[in-house]
């Protein structure tokens, strides 16, 4: 089930590199999908994990995504896609808009965002200590929004642990 989304994401993100490491961007998508799979998420959530950045980082539109992968997977991707625009204000204001959008996400969408946070926290705190402070403040707000009585507690705990490791990393401890 997840082979098609993985191949599609690989082609859609072809040539894109991960900031800081210059590795193929697909590696981040694979890491997110792997985290979801390791926490026993269903195939639609794992598939959406591969596709979670496609609407933000490529020319692909949601109509195409829905046509190819169905409403469920497309809705997960839409739930985790930032909706703020540059004219919405400074970074802090835009992140508040995106956080409010994510607060309305389904449990599946929240699981995807947790896996994305786990991947991003590690990468950013290792490779960009200056930006890490801002990013970790945003991650803290997201973790509050992602806390839900139906959330996978192991996945949420892993995100909290990643956050605390990131804080220790940038403090040099």
N, C-alpha and C. Protein backbone atom coordinates (compact mmCIF):
# COMPACT_ATOMS: atom_id res chain seq x y z
N UNK A 1 0.81 -1.21 0.00
CA UNK A 1 0.00 0.00 0.00
C UNK A 1 0.84 1.25 0.00
N UNK A 2 1.95 1.23 0.69
CA UNK A 2 2.74 2.46 0.80
C UNK A 2 3.81 2.60 -0.27
N UNK A 3 3.95 1.59 -1.13
CA UNK A 3 4.97 1.69 -2.17
C UNK A 3 4.65 2.80 -3.17
N UNK A 4 3.40 2.89 -3.62
CA UNK A 4 3.01 3.94 -4.57
C UNK A 4 3.25 5.34 -4.02
N UNK A 5 2.78 5.63 -2.79
CA UNK A 5 3.04 6.97 -2.24
C UNK A 5 4.54 7.25 -2.07
N UNK A 6 5.30 6.23 -1.69
CA UNK A 6 6.74 6.42 -1.53
C UNK A 6 7.39 6.78 -2.87
N UNK A 7 7.05 6.03 -3.91
CA UNK A 7 7.60 6.31 -5.24
C UNK A 7 7.16 7.68 -5.75
N UNK A 8 5.90 8.00 -5.54
CA UNK A 8 5.36 9.27 -5.99
C UNK A 8 6.06 10.43 -5.26
N UNK A 9 6.22 10.29 -3.95
CA UNK A 9 6.90 11.34 -3.18
C UNK A 9 8.35 11.48 -3.62
N UNK A 10 8.98 10.35 -3.87
CA UNK A 10 10.38 10.37 -4.32
C UNK A 10 10.52 11.14 -5.63
N UNK A 11 9.62 10.89 -6.56
CA UNK A 11 9.65 11.59 -7.85
C UNK A 11 9.28 13.07 -7.70
N UNK A 12 8.28 13.35 -6.88
CA UNK A 12 7.82 14.74 -6.70
C UNK A 12 8.90 15.60 -6.04
N UNK A 13 9.67 15.00 -5.15
CA UNK A 13 10.72 15.75 -4.42
C UNK A 13 12.10 15.53 -5.06
N UNK A 14 12.13 14.93 -6.25
CA UNK A 14 13.40 14.61 -6.91
C UNK A 14 14.24 15.87 -7.06
N UNK A 15 15.51 15.77 -6.69
CA UNK A 15 16.43 16.89 -6.80
C UNK A 15 16.42 17.80 -5.57
N UNK A 16 15.41 17.69 -4.72
CA UNK A 16 15.39 18.51 -3.50
C UNK A 16 16.33 17.89 -2.47
N UNK A 17 17.02 18.76 -1.77
CA UNK A 17 17.97 18.32 -0.75
C UNK A 17 17.50 18.77 0.62
N UNK A 18 17.85 17.99 1.59
CA UNK A 18 17.53 18.31 2.99
C UNK A 18 18.44 19.45 3.43
N UNK A 19 17.83 20.47 4.01
CA UNK A 19 18.61 21.60 4.50
C UNK A 19 19.63 21.09 5.51
N UNK A 20 20.79 21.66 5.51
CA UNK A 20 21.90 21.36 6.42
C UNK A 20 22.72 20.14 6.01
N UNK A 21 22.06 19.04 5.63
CA UNK A 21 22.81 17.80 5.39
C UNK A 21 23.04 17.55 3.91
N UNK A 22 22.29 18.21 3.06
CA UNK A 22 22.39 18.05 1.61
C UNK A 22 22.05 16.64 1.13
N UNK A 23 21.44 15.84 2.00
CA UNK A 23 21.01 14.51 1.60
C UNK A 23 19.68 14.63 0.85
N UNK A 24 19.29 13.62 0.11
CA UNK A 24 18.02 13.69 -0.60
C UNK A 24 16.86 13.96 0.37
N UNK A 25 15.95 14.84 -0.02
CA UNK A 25 14.82 15.19 0.83
C UNK A 25 13.97 13.97 1.16
N UNK A 26 13.95 13.02 0.25
CA UNK A 26 13.17 11.81 0.47
C UNK A 26 13.55 11.11 1.77
N UNK A 27 14.80 11.24 2.21
CA UNK A 27 15.23 10.59 3.45
C UNK A 27 14.37 11.04 4.64
N UNK A 28 14.00 12.33 4.66
CA UNK A 28 13.12 12.84 5.73
C UNK A 28 11.75 12.19 5.62
N UNK A 29 11.21 12.09 4.43
CA UNK A 29 9.90 11.48 4.23
C UNK A 29 9.91 10.02 4.65
N UNK A 30 10.98 9.33 4.31
CA UNK A 30 11.14 7.93 4.70
C UNK A 30 11.23 7.80 6.22
N UNK A 31 11.95 8.70 6.85
CA UNK A 31 12.06 8.66 8.31
C UNK A 31 10.69 8.86 8.97
N UNK A 32 9.93 9.84 8.48
CA UNK A 32 8.59 10.10 9.03
C UNK A 32 7.70 8.87 8.86
N UNK A 33 7.68 8.29 7.66
CA UNK A 33 6.85 7.11 7.40
C UNK A 33 7.31 5.92 8.26
N UNK A 34 8.60 5.78 8.44
CA UNK A 34 9.14 4.68 9.25
C UNK A 34 8.73 4.83 10.71
N UNK A 35 8.80 6.05 11.24
CA UNK A 35 8.36 6.30 12.62
C UNK A 35 6.89 5.91 12.77
N UNK A 36 6.09 6.30 11.80
CA UNK A 36 4.66 5.96 11.85
C UNK A 36 4.44 4.45 11.80
N UNK A 37 5.15 3.77 10.93
CA UNK A 37 5.04 2.31 10.80
C UNK A 37 5.48 1.62 12.09
N UNK A 38 6.56 2.12 12.70
CA UNK A 38 7.06 1.54 13.94
C UNK A 38 6.05 1.69 15.09
N UNK A 39 5.13 2.64 14.94
CA UNK A 39 4.12 2.85 15.98
C UNK A 39 2.75 2.30 15.54
N UNK A 40 2.81 1.35 14.60
CA UNK A 40 1.64 0.58 14.17
C UNK A 40 0.50 1.42 13.59
N UNK A 41 0.86 2.49 12.88
CA UNK A 41 -0.16 3.29 12.21
C UNK A 41 -0.67 2.54 10.99
N UNK A 42 -1.91 2.81 10.60
CA UNK A 42 -2.45 2.11 9.44
C UNK A 42 -1.81 2.61 8.15
N UNK A 43 -2.07 1.88 7.07
CA UNK A 43 -1.43 2.17 5.78
C UNK A 43 -1.73 3.57 5.26
N UNK A 44 -2.92 4.09 5.49
CA UNK A 44 -3.24 5.44 5.02
C UNK A 44 -2.40 6.49 5.73
N UNK A 45 -2.16 6.31 7.01
CA UNK A 45 -1.35 7.27 7.77
C UNK A 45 0.11 7.18 7.33
N UNK A 46 0.61 5.97 7.17
CA UNK A 46 2.00 5.79 6.71
C UNK A 46 2.15 6.38 5.31
N UNK A 47 1.18 6.13 4.44
CA UNK A 47 1.22 6.70 3.08
C UNK A 47 1.24 8.22 3.13
N UNK A 48 0.39 8.80 3.97
CA UNK A 48 0.36 10.26 4.10
C UNK A 48 1.67 10.77 4.70
N UNK A 49 2.32 9.95 5.51
CA UNK A 49 3.64 10.33 6.04
C UNK A 49 4.65 10.55 4.92
N UNK A 50 4.61 9.71 3.91
CA UNK A 50 5.49 9.89 2.75
C UNK A 50 5.14 11.18 1.99
N UNK A 51 3.88 11.54 2.00
CA UNK A 51 3.39 12.65 1.18
C UNK A 51 3.20 13.95 1.97
N UNK A 52 3.53 13.97 3.25
CA UNK A 52 3.12 15.08 4.11
C UNK A 52 3.64 16.45 3.70
N UNK A 53 4.74 16.55 3.00
CA UNK A 53 5.30 17.85 2.60
C UNK A 53 5.05 18.20 1.13
N UNK A 54 4.35 17.34 0.44
CA UNK A 54 4.24 17.47 -1.01
C UNK A 54 3.51 18.75 -1.46
N UNK A 55 2.49 19.16 -0.71
CA UNK A 55 1.73 20.35 -1.10
C UNK A 55 2.50 21.63 -0.79
N UNK A 56 3.37 21.59 0.21
CA UNK A 56 4.17 22.77 0.57
C UNK A 56 5.41 22.91 -0.30
N UNK A 57 6.00 21.79 -0.71
CA UNK A 57 7.33 21.84 -1.31
C UNK A 57 7.40 21.48 -2.79
N UNK A 58 6.26 21.20 -3.42
CA UNK A 58 6.26 20.87 -4.84
C UNK A 58 5.09 21.59 -5.52
N UNK A 59 4.96 21.39 -6.80
CA UNK A 59 3.86 22.00 -7.56
C UNK A 59 2.59 21.14 -7.55
N UNK A 60 2.65 20.00 -6.87
CA UNK A 60 1.49 19.10 -6.80
C UNK A 60 0.36 19.81 -6.05
N UNK A 61 -0.86 19.63 -6.55
CA UNK A 61 -2.02 20.23 -5.89
C UNK A 61 -2.87 19.13 -5.24
N UNK A 62 -3.69 19.54 -4.30
CA UNK A 62 -4.49 18.57 -3.54
C UNK A 62 -5.43 17.77 -4.43
N UNK A 63 -5.94 18.37 -5.52
CA UNK A 63 -6.84 17.63 -6.42
C UNK A 63 -6.14 16.42 -7.02
N UNK A 64 -4.90 16.61 -7.41
CA UNK A 64 -4.12 15.51 -7.98
C UNK A 64 -3.85 14.44 -6.92
N UNK A 65 -3.51 14.90 -5.73
CA UNK A 65 -3.24 13.97 -4.64
C UNK A 65 -4.48 13.13 -4.31
N UNK A 66 -5.62 13.79 -4.26
CA UNK A 66 -6.87 13.07 -3.98
C UNK A 66 -7.21 12.09 -5.09
N UNK A 67 -7.01 12.48 -6.33
CA UNK A 67 -7.29 11.60 -7.47
C UNK A 67 -6.42 10.34 -7.40
N UNK A 68 -5.14 10.53 -7.07
CA UNK A 68 -4.20 9.41 -7.07
C UNK A 68 -4.28 8.53 -5.83
N UNK A 69 -4.58 9.14 -4.67
CA UNK A 69 -4.47 8.39 -3.42
C UNK A 69 -5.75 8.37 -2.58
N UNK A 70 -6.76 9.08 -3.01
CA UNK A 70 -8.03 9.05 -2.31
C UNK A 70 -8.19 10.16 -1.29
N UNK A 71 -9.44 10.30 -0.84
CA UNK A 71 -9.79 11.39 0.07
C UNK A 71 -9.12 11.27 1.43
N UNK A 72 -9.02 10.07 1.94
CA UNK A 72 -8.48 9.90 3.30
C UNK A 72 -7.02 10.36 3.37
N UNK A 73 -6.20 9.84 2.48
CA UNK A 73 -4.78 10.22 2.47
C UNK A 73 -4.63 11.70 2.18
N UNK A 74 -5.38 12.20 1.21
CA UNK A 74 -5.31 13.62 0.88
C UNK A 74 -5.72 14.48 2.08
N UNK A 75 -6.74 14.07 2.80
CA UNK A 75 -7.17 14.88 3.96
C UNK A 75 -6.10 14.90 5.04
N UNK A 76 -5.40 13.79 5.27
CA UNK A 76 -4.30 13.79 6.23
C UNK A 76 -3.21 14.79 5.81
N UNK A 77 -2.87 14.76 4.53
CA UNK A 77 -1.83 15.68 4.04
C UNK A 77 -2.29 17.13 4.20
N UNK A 78 -3.53 17.41 3.86
CA UNK A 78 -4.05 18.77 4.03
C UNK A 78 -4.03 19.21 5.50
N UNK A 79 -4.32 18.28 6.39
CA UNK A 79 -4.33 18.62 7.82
C UNK A 79 -2.96 19.05 8.33
N UNK A 80 -1.90 18.50 7.79
CA UNK A 80 -0.55 18.82 8.28
C UNK A 80 0.17 19.84 7.41
N UNK A 81 -0.49 20.31 6.38
CA UNK A 81 0.10 21.32 5.50
C UNK A 81 -0.14 22.71 6.09
N UNK A 82 0.94 23.48 6.19
CA UNK A 82 0.80 24.86 6.68
C UNK A 82 -0.15 25.63 5.79
N UNK A 83 -1.01 26.43 6.41
CA UNK A 83 -1.99 27.21 5.63
C UNK A 83 -1.67 28.70 5.63
N UNK A 84 -0.75 29.11 6.50
CA UNK A 84 -0.43 30.54 6.56
C UNK A 84 0.31 30.98 5.30
N UNK A 85 0.15 32.25 5.00
CA UNK A 85 0.81 32.86 3.84
C UNK A 85 1.73 33.97 4.35
N UNK A 86 2.68 34.35 3.56
CA UNK A 86 3.65 35.37 3.95
C UNK A 86 2.96 36.68 4.35
N UNK A 87 1.82 36.99 3.73
CA UNK A 87 1.12 38.25 4.07
C UNK A 87 0.37 38.15 5.40
N UNK A 88 0.36 36.99 6.04
CA UNK A 88 -0.36 36.83 7.30
C UNK A 88 0.41 37.41 8.49
N UNK A 89 1.59 37.92 8.24
CA UNK A 89 2.36 38.54 9.33
C UNK A 89 3.72 37.90 9.48
N UNK A 90 4.34 38.20 10.62
CA UNK A 90 5.68 37.68 10.87
C UNK A 90 5.62 36.17 11.16
N UNK A 91 6.77 35.58 11.34
CA UNK A 91 6.84 34.13 11.53
C UNK A 91 5.98 33.68 12.72
N UNK A 92 6.05 34.41 13.82
CA UNK A 92 5.29 34.04 15.01
C UNK A 92 3.78 34.03 14.73
N UNK A 93 3.30 35.04 14.01
CA UNK A 93 1.87 35.09 13.67
C UNK A 93 1.48 33.97 12.72
N UNK A 94 2.34 33.69 11.74
CA UNK A 94 2.05 32.61 10.80
C UNK A 94 2.02 31.25 11.50
N UNK A 95 2.95 31.04 12.42
CA UNK A 95 2.98 29.76 13.14
C UNK A 95 1.75 29.60 14.03
N UNK A 96 1.24 30.67 14.57
CA UNK A 96 0.00 30.59 15.36
C UNK A 96 -1.16 30.15 14.48
N UNK A 97 -1.22 30.67 13.26
CA UNK A 97 -2.27 30.27 12.31
C UNK A 97 -2.14 28.78 11.99
N UNK A 98 -0.92 28.35 11.71
CA UNK A 98 -0.69 26.94 11.37
C UNK A 98 -0.98 26.03 12.56
N UNK A 99 -0.65 26.48 13.75
CA UNK A 99 -0.91 25.71 14.96
C UNK A 99 -2.42 25.56 15.19
N UNK A 100 -3.17 26.63 14.96
CA UNK A 100 -4.64 26.57 15.11
C UNK A 100 -5.23 25.60 14.09
N UNK A 101 -4.68 25.60 12.88
CA UNK A 101 -5.12 24.66 11.84
C UNK A 101 -4.85 23.22 12.28
N UNK A 102 -3.66 22.98 12.80
CA UNK A 102 -3.28 21.64 13.23
C UNK A 102 -4.11 21.17 14.42
N UNK A 103 -4.55 22.09 15.25
CA UNK A 103 -5.37 21.73 16.40
C UNK A 103 -6.67 21.05 15.97
N UNK A 104 -7.12 21.34 14.76
CA UNK A 104 -8.38 20.76 14.24
C UNK A 104 -8.14 19.43 13.51
N UNK A 105 -6.89 19.01 13.41
CA UNK A 105 -6.55 17.80 12.66
C UNK A 105 -7.10 16.55 13.35
N UNK A 106 -7.30 15.53 12.55
CA UNK A 106 -7.70 14.22 13.07
C UNK A 106 -6.54 13.62 13.86
N UNK A 107 -6.82 12.54 14.55
CA UNK A 107 -5.75 11.84 15.29
C UNK A 107 -4.68 11.37 14.31
N UNK A 108 -5.10 10.88 13.15
CA UNK A 108 -4.12 10.46 12.14
C UNK A 108 -3.21 11.60 11.71
N UNK A 109 -3.79 12.76 11.47
CA UNK A 109 -3.00 13.94 11.11
C UNK A 109 -2.04 14.33 12.21
N UNK A 110 -2.52 14.25 13.45
CA UNK A 110 -1.65 14.59 14.58
C UNK A 110 -0.50 13.59 14.72
N UNK A 111 -0.77 12.33 14.43
CA UNK A 111 0.31 11.34 14.46
C UNK A 111 1.38 11.67 13.42
N UNK A 112 0.95 12.06 12.24
CA UNK A 112 1.90 12.42 11.18
C UNK A 112 2.75 13.60 11.62
N UNK A 113 2.12 14.61 12.19
CA UNK A 113 2.86 15.79 12.63
C UNK A 113 3.83 15.45 13.75
N UNK A 114 3.46 14.55 14.65
CA UNK A 114 4.40 14.12 15.70
C UNK A 114 5.64 13.47 15.09
N UNK A 115 5.43 12.58 14.13
CA UNK A 115 6.57 11.92 13.47
C UNK A 115 7.44 12.94 12.74
N UNK A 116 6.81 13.92 12.11
CA UNK A 116 7.54 14.99 11.41
C UNK A 116 8.36 15.81 12.42
N UNK A 117 7.77 16.12 13.55
CA UNK A 117 8.48 16.87 14.59
C UNK A 117 9.69 16.10 15.09
N UNK A 118 9.53 14.82 15.34
CA UNK A 118 10.64 13.99 15.81
C UNK A 118 11.81 14.08 14.84
N UNK A 119 11.52 13.93 13.56
CA UNK A 119 12.57 14.01 12.54
C UNK A 119 13.20 15.40 12.48
N UNK A 120 12.36 16.43 12.47
CA UNK A 120 12.87 17.80 12.33
C UNK A 120 13.63 18.29 13.55
N UNK A 121 13.18 17.93 14.74
CA UNK A 121 13.87 18.40 15.94
C UNK A 121 15.31 17.92 15.93
N UNK A 122 15.50 16.65 15.65
CA UNK A 122 16.86 16.10 15.64
C UNK A 122 17.72 16.80 14.59
N UNK A 123 17.22 16.89 13.38
CA UNK A 123 17.98 17.48 12.29
C UNK A 123 18.33 18.95 12.56
N UNK A 124 17.36 19.71 13.00
CA UNK A 124 17.59 21.15 13.19
C UNK A 124 18.50 21.41 14.39
N UNK A 125 18.28 20.72 15.50
CA UNK A 125 19.12 21.00 16.68
C UNK A 125 20.56 20.53 16.50
N UNK A 126 20.77 19.54 15.67
CA UNK A 126 22.14 19.10 15.39
C UNK A 126 22.83 20.08 14.44
N UNK A 127 22.09 20.57 13.45
CA UNK A 127 22.72 21.31 12.36
C UNK A 127 22.54 22.83 12.37
N UNK A 128 21.65 23.36 13.16
CA UNK A 128 21.45 24.81 13.19
C UNK A 128 21.11 25.28 14.60
N UNK A 129 22.14 25.34 15.46
CA UNK A 129 21.90 25.74 16.85
C UNK A 129 21.24 27.13 16.98
N UNK A 130 21.54 28.04 16.06
CA UNK A 130 20.95 29.38 16.15
C UNK A 130 19.45 29.35 15.93
N UNK A 131 18.99 28.70 14.89
CA UNK A 131 17.56 28.62 14.59
C UNK A 131 16.84 27.67 15.56
N UNK A 132 17.59 26.77 16.15
CA UNK A 132 17.00 25.76 17.03
C UNK A 132 16.17 26.36 18.16
N UNK A 133 16.61 27.46 18.70
CA UNK A 133 15.88 28.09 19.81
C UNK A 133 14.48 28.47 19.37
N UNK A 134 14.36 29.09 18.23
CA UNK A 134 13.06 29.49 17.69
C UNK A 134 12.24 28.23 17.37
N UNK A 135 12.87 27.29 16.70
CA UNK A 135 12.16 26.08 16.29
C UNK A 135 11.63 25.30 17.50
N UNK A 136 12.44 25.21 18.54
CA UNK A 136 12.01 24.46 19.73
C UNK A 136 10.86 25.17 20.45
N UNK A 137 10.83 26.49 20.41
CA UNK A 137 9.69 27.22 20.98
C UNK A 137 8.42 26.88 20.20
N UNK A 138 8.53 26.83 18.88
CA UNK A 138 7.39 26.46 18.04
C UNK A 138 6.99 25.00 18.28
N UNK A 139 7.98 24.13 18.42
CA UNK A 139 7.71 22.70 18.66
C UNK A 139 6.97 22.53 19.99
N UNK A 140 7.35 23.31 20.99
CA UNK A 140 6.69 23.23 22.30
C UNK A 140 5.20 23.54 22.16
N UNK A 141 4.88 24.58 21.40
CA UNK A 141 3.47 24.95 21.18
C UNK A 141 2.74 23.85 20.41
N UNK A 142 3.41 23.28 19.42
CA UNK A 142 2.80 22.18 18.65
C UNK A 142 2.54 20.96 19.52
N UNK A 143 3.47 20.64 20.38
CA UNK A 143 3.29 19.47 21.25
C UNK A 143 2.07 19.65 22.14
N UNK A 144 1.80 20.86 22.56
CA UNK A 144 0.62 21.12 23.37
C UNK A 144 -0.65 20.87 22.54
N UNK A 145 -0.65 21.33 21.30
CA UNK A 145 -1.80 21.15 20.40
C UNK A 145 -1.99 19.68 20.02
N UNK A 146 -0.90 18.95 19.94
CA UNK A 146 -0.95 17.55 19.51
C UNK A 146 -1.30 16.59 20.64
N UNK A 147 -1.29 17.07 21.86
CA UNK A 147 -1.66 16.23 23.00
C UNK A 147 -3.17 15.98 22.97
N UNK A 148 -3.55 14.75 22.93
CA UNK A 148 -4.95 14.39 22.77
C UNK A 148 -5.16 13.06 23.48
N UNK A 149 -6.32 12.87 24.08
CA UNK A 149 -6.55 11.62 24.82
C UNK A 149 -6.50 10.39 23.93
N UNK A 150 -6.68 10.57 22.62
CA UNK A 150 -6.67 9.43 21.70
C UNK A 150 -5.33 9.25 20.99
N UNK A 151 -4.37 10.10 21.28
CA UNK A 151 -3.08 10.04 20.59
C UNK A 151 -2.31 8.79 21.06
N UNK A 152 -1.49 8.24 20.19
CA UNK A 152 -0.63 7.13 20.54
C UNK A 152 0.39 7.64 21.57
N UNK A 153 0.28 7.14 22.78
CA UNK A 153 1.11 7.65 23.90
C UNK A 153 2.59 7.40 23.69
N UNK A 154 2.94 6.27 23.07
CA UNK A 154 4.36 6.00 22.80
C UNK A 154 4.93 6.99 21.80
N UNK A 155 4.18 7.29 20.76
CA UNK A 155 4.63 8.25 19.76
C UNK A 155 4.75 9.65 20.37
N UNK A 156 3.75 10.02 21.16
CA UNK A 156 3.79 11.33 21.81
C UNK A 156 4.99 11.42 22.77
N UNK A 157 5.23 10.36 23.51
CA UNK A 157 6.38 10.34 24.44
C UNK A 157 7.69 10.47 23.68
N UNK A 158 7.76 9.81 22.53
CA UNK A 158 8.98 9.90 21.71
C UNK A 158 9.19 11.35 21.23
N UNK A 159 8.12 12.04 20.90
CA UNK A 159 8.22 13.45 20.48
C UNK A 159 8.66 14.33 21.64
N UNK A 160 8.12 14.08 22.82
CA UNK A 160 8.52 14.83 24.01
C UNK A 160 10.00 14.59 24.31
N UNK A 161 10.42 13.34 24.22
CA UNK A 161 11.82 13.00 24.44
C UNK A 161 12.71 13.70 23.42
N UNK A 162 12.31 13.69 22.15
CA UNK A 162 13.08 14.37 21.10
C UNK A 162 13.20 15.86 21.42
N UNK A 163 12.10 16.44 21.89
CA UNK A 163 12.11 17.86 22.27
C UNK A 163 13.14 18.11 23.38
N UNK A 164 13.09 17.31 24.44
CA UNK A 164 14.01 17.51 25.57
C UNK A 164 15.46 17.25 25.16
N UNK A 165 15.68 16.26 24.31
CA UNK A 165 17.03 16.01 23.80
C UNK A 165 17.51 17.20 22.97
N UNK A 166 16.61 17.78 22.18
CA UNK A 166 16.94 18.96 21.39
C UNK A 166 17.31 20.14 22.27
N UNK A 167 16.56 20.34 23.35
CA UNK A 167 16.87 21.42 24.29
C UNK A 167 18.25 21.20 24.90
N UNK A 168 18.51 19.98 25.36
CA UNK A 168 19.83 19.67 25.93
C UNK A 168 20.94 19.87 24.91
N UNK A 169 20.68 19.48 23.67
CA UNK A 169 21.67 19.60 22.61
C UNK A 169 22.06 21.05 22.40
N UNK A 170 21.09 21.94 22.33
CA UNK A 170 21.44 23.34 22.04
C UNK A 170 22.01 24.06 23.26
N UNK A 171 21.76 23.49 24.44
CA UNK A 171 22.36 24.06 25.65
C UNK A 171 23.76 23.48 25.88
N UNK A 172 24.13 22.50 25.07
CA UNK A 172 25.45 21.89 25.18
C UNK A 172 25.59 20.95 26.35
N UNK A 173 24.50 20.32 26.75
CA UNK A 173 24.56 19.41 27.91
C UNK A 173 24.27 18.00 27.49
